[in-house]
Amino acid sequence: MKRIMLVCNAGMSTSMLVTKMQAAAEELGQEFDIYAVPVSEADRELETKEIDIVLLGPQVKFLLNDFKAKCEPKIKVDAINMMDYGVMNGKNVLMTAISMLNE
């Protein structure tokens, strides 16, 4: 099962997005382990879990190059589209992650 980790400042609003992404995955008949962590816990997660995709919330997008340097090419990294994040469009965010897996 592919694991998608969302990283944000505190983990609150991103948790809502996780729920919407999980619902979208169910609609598509696909299984993913999707969860959110605050940026302060991201390094520990990267060290202890097999993660396939890291998506950064808009509030921590400034860390994108740091995460890419740390993770790629083994783990794919990108920032969540600000519009999709703002309206909590879990399906679009999930589709972005799926397309990253297929690159």
C-alpha atoms as a PDB file:
ATOM      1  CA  MET A   1       0.000   0.000   0.000  1.00  0.00           C
ATOM      2  CA  LYS A   2       1.320   3.436  -0.941  1.00  0.00           C
ATOM      3  CA  ARG A   3       1.795   5.938   1.873  1.00  0.00           C
ATOM      4  CA  ILE A   4       1.131   9.672   1.440  1.00  0.00           C
ATOM      5  CA  MET A   5       2.278  12.043   4.168  1.00  0.00           C
ATOM      6  CA  LEU A   6       0.928  15.579   4.287  1.00  0.00           C
ATOM      7  CA  VAL A   7       3.055  18.094   6.164  1.00  0.00           C
ATOM      8  CA  CYS A   8       1.731  21.320   7.615  1.00  0.00           C
ATOM      9  CA  ASN A   9       2.286  23.733  10.473  1.00  0.00           C
ATOM     10  CA  ALA A  10       0.132  22.139  13.154  1.00  0.00           C
ATOM     11  CA  GLY A  11      -1.821  19.356  11.456  1.00  0.00           C
ATOM     12  CA  MET A  12      -5.343  20.678  12.037  1.00  0.00           C
ATOM     13  CA  SER A  13      -6.691  21.762   8.645  1.00  0.00           C
ATOM     14  CA  THR A  14      -4.588  19.177   6.854  1.00  0.00           C
ATOM     15  CA  SER A  15      -6.375  16.446   8.855  1.00  0.00           C
ATOM     16  CA  MET A  16      -9.634  17.505   7.200  1.00  0.00           C
ATOM     17  CA  LEU A  17      -7.961  17.229   3.808  1.00  0.00           C
ATOM     18  CA  VAL A  18      -6.741  13.716   4.703  1.00  0.00           C
ATOM     19  CA  THR A  19     -10.350  12.660   5.382  1.00  0.00           C
ATOM     20  CA  LYS A  20     -11.449  14.008   1.997  1.00  0.00           C
ATOM     21  CA  MET A  21      -8.527  12.313   0.232  1.00  0.00           C
ATOM     22  CA  GLN A  22      -9.408   8.984   1.884  1.00  0.00           C
ATOM     23  CA  ALA A  23     -13.019   9.351   0.738  1.00  0.00           C
ATOM     24  CA  ALA A  24     -11.824  10.076  -2.808  1.00  0.00           C
ATOM     25  CA  ALA A  25      -9.575   6.991  -2.721  1.00  0.00           C
ATOM     26  CA  GLU A  26     -12.536   4.848  -1.655  1.00  0.00           C
ATOM     27  CA  GLU A  27     -14.598   6.247  -4.539  1.00  0.00           C
ATOM     28  CA  LEU A  28     -11.791   5.251  -6.910  1.00  0.00           C
ATOM     29  CA  GLY A  29     -11.516   1.811  -5.312  1.00  0.00           C
ATOM     30  CA  GLN A  30      -7.898   2.425  -4.319  1.00  0.00           C
ATOM     31  CA  GLU A  31      -6.167   2.030  -0.973  1.00  0.00           C
ATOM     32  CA  PHE A  32      -3.653   4.482   0.386  1.00  0.00           C
ATOM     33  CA  ASP A  33      -2.276   5.164   3.832  1.00  0.00           C
ATOM     34  CA  ILE A  34      -2.804   8.937   4.010  1.00  0.00           C
ATOM     35  CA  TYR A  35      -1.994  10.949   7.094  1.00  0.00           C
ATOM     36  CA  ALA A  36      -0.896  14.405   8.220  1.00  0.00           C
ATOM     37  CA  VAL A  37       1.913  15.494  10.521  1.00  0.00           C
ATOM     38  CA  PRO A  38       3.158  18.852  11.727  1.00  0.00           C
ATOM     39  CA  VAL A  39       6.469  19.907  10.202  1.00  0.00           C
ATOM     40  CA  SER A  40       8.133  19.338  13.594  1.00  0.00           C
ATOM     41  CA  GLU A  41       7.462  15.567  13.287  1.00  0.00           C
ATOM     42  CA  ALA A  42       8.166  15.110   9.570  1.00  0.00           C
ATOM     43  CA  ASP A  43      11.834  14.120   9.901  1.00  0.00           C
ATOM     44  CA  ARG A  44      11.031  11.416  12.462  1.00  0.00           C
ATOM     45  CA  GLU A  45       8.326  10.021  10.175  1.00  0.00           C
ATOM     46  CA  LEU A  46      10.720   9.988   7.224  1.00  0.00           C
ATOM     47  CA  GLU A  47      13.276   8.077   9.297  1.00  0.00           C
ATOM     48  CA  THR A  48      10.875   5.473  10.686  1.00  0.00           C
ATOM     49  CA  LYS A  49       8.319   4.821   7.902  1.00  0.00           C
ATOM     50  CA  GLU A  50       8.283   3.850   4.264  1.00  0.00           C
ATOM     51  CA  ILE A  51       6.743   6.915   2.634  1.00  0.00           C
ATOM     52  CA  ASP A  52       6.063   7.216  -1.091  1.00  0.00           C
ATOM     53  CA  ILE A  53       4.810  10.803  -1.381  1.00  0.00           C
ATOM     54  CA  VAL A  54       5.278  13.926   0.742  1.00  0.00           C
ATOM     55  CA  LEU A  55       2.865  16.782   0.109  1.00  0.00           C
ATOM     56  CA  LEU A  56       3.481  20.115   1.800  1.00  0.00           C
ATOM     57  CA  GLY A  57       0.630  22.379   2.840  1.00  0.00           C
ATOM     58  CA  PRO A  58       0.706  25.939   1.482  1.00  0.00           C
ATOM     59  CA  GLN A  59       1.757  27.306   4.884  1.00  0.00           C
ATOM     60  CA  VAL A  60       5.029  25.314   4.746  1.00  0.00           C
ATOM     61  CA  LYS A  61       5.588  25.474   0.979  1.00  0.00           C
ATOM     62  CA  PHE A  62       8.742  27.507   1.663  1.00  0.00           C
ATOM     63  CA  LEU A  63      10.315  24.201   2.836  1.00  0.00           C
ATOM     64  CA  LEU A  64       9.790  22.502  -0.545  1.00  0.00           C
ATOM     65  CA  ASN A  65      13.442  22.623  -1.645  1.00  0.00           C
ATOM     66  CA  ASP A  66      14.600  21.335   1.763  1.00  0.00           C
ATOM     67  CA  PHE A  67      12.237  18.350   1.545  1.00  0.00           C
ATOM     68  CA  LYS A  68      13.179  17.648  -2.082  1.00  0.00           C
ATOM     69  CA  ALA A  69      16.874  17.614  -1.132  1.00  0.00           C
ATOM     70  CA  LYS A  70      16.167  15.289   1.797  1.00  0.00           C
ATOM     71  CA  CYS A  71      13.784  12.889   0.076  1.00  0.00           C
ATOM     72  CA  GLU A  72      14.154  12.725  -3.682  1.00  0.00           C
ATOM     73  CA  PRO A  73      14.502  10.623  -5.751  1.00  0.00           C
ATOM     74  CA  LYS A  74      13.359   7.856  -3.346  1.00  0.00           C
ATOM     75  CA  ILE A  75      10.353   9.815  -2.073  1.00  0.00           C
ATOM     76  CA  LYS A  76       8.450  12.168  -4.370  1.00  0.00           C
ATOM     77  CA  VAL A  77       7.791  15.620  -2.933  1.00  0.00           C
ATOM     78  CA  ASP A  78       5.518  18.487  -3.967  1.00  0.00           C
ATOM     79  CA  ALA A  79       3.432  21.290  -2.523  1.00  0.00           C
ATOM     80  CA  ILE A  80      -0.342  21.034  -2.387  1.00  0.00           C
ATOM     81  CA  ASN A  81      -2.081  23.347  -4.839  1.00  0.00           C
ATOM     82  CA  MET A  82      -3.262  26.356  -2.830  1.00  0.00           C
ATOM     83  CA  MET A  83      -6.724  26.426  -4.445  1.00  0.00           C
ATOM     84  CA  ASP A  84      -7.297  22.712  -3.818  1.00  0.00           C
ATOM     85  CA  TYR A  85      -6.133  23.167  -0.232  1.00  0.00           C
ATOM     86  CA  GLY A  86      -8.326  26.222   0.297  1.00  0.00           C
ATOM     87  CA  VAL A  87     -11.504  24.439  -0.787  1.00  0.00           C
ATOM     88  CA  MET A  88     -10.376  21.085   0.680  1.00  0.00           C
ATOM     89  CA  ASN A  89     -10.576  19.334  -2.706  1.00  0.00           C
ATOM     90  CA  GLY A  90      -9.331  15.943  -1.556  1.00  0.00           C
ATOM     91  CA  LYS A  91      -9.941  14.333  -4.935  1.00  0.00           C
ATOM     92  CA  ASN A  92      -7.690  16.770  -6.809  1.00  0.00           C
ATOM     93  CA  VAL A  93      -4.935  16.451  -4.214  1.00  0.00           C
ATOM     94  CA  LEU A  94      -5.184  12.656  -4.396  1.00  0.00           C
ATOM     95  CA  MET A  95      -5.059  12.745  -8.196  1.00  0.00           C
ATOM     96  CA  THR A  96      -1.891  14.862  -7.972  1.00  0.00           C
ATOM     97  CA  ALA A  97      -0.333  12.240  -5.687  1.00  0.00           C
ATOM     98  CA  ILE A  98      -1.371   9.403  -8.019  1.00  0.00           C
ATOM     99  CA  SER A  99       0.156  11.171 -11.012  1.00  0.00           C
ATOM    100  CA  MET A 100       3.392  11.658  -9.013  1.00  0.00           C
ATOM    101  CA  LEU A 101       3.493   7.917  -8.335  1.00  0.00           C
ATOM    102  CA  ASN A 102       3.157   7.238 -12.060  1.00  0.00           C
ATOM    103  CA  GLU A 103       6.009   9.558 -13.106  1.00  0.00           C
END
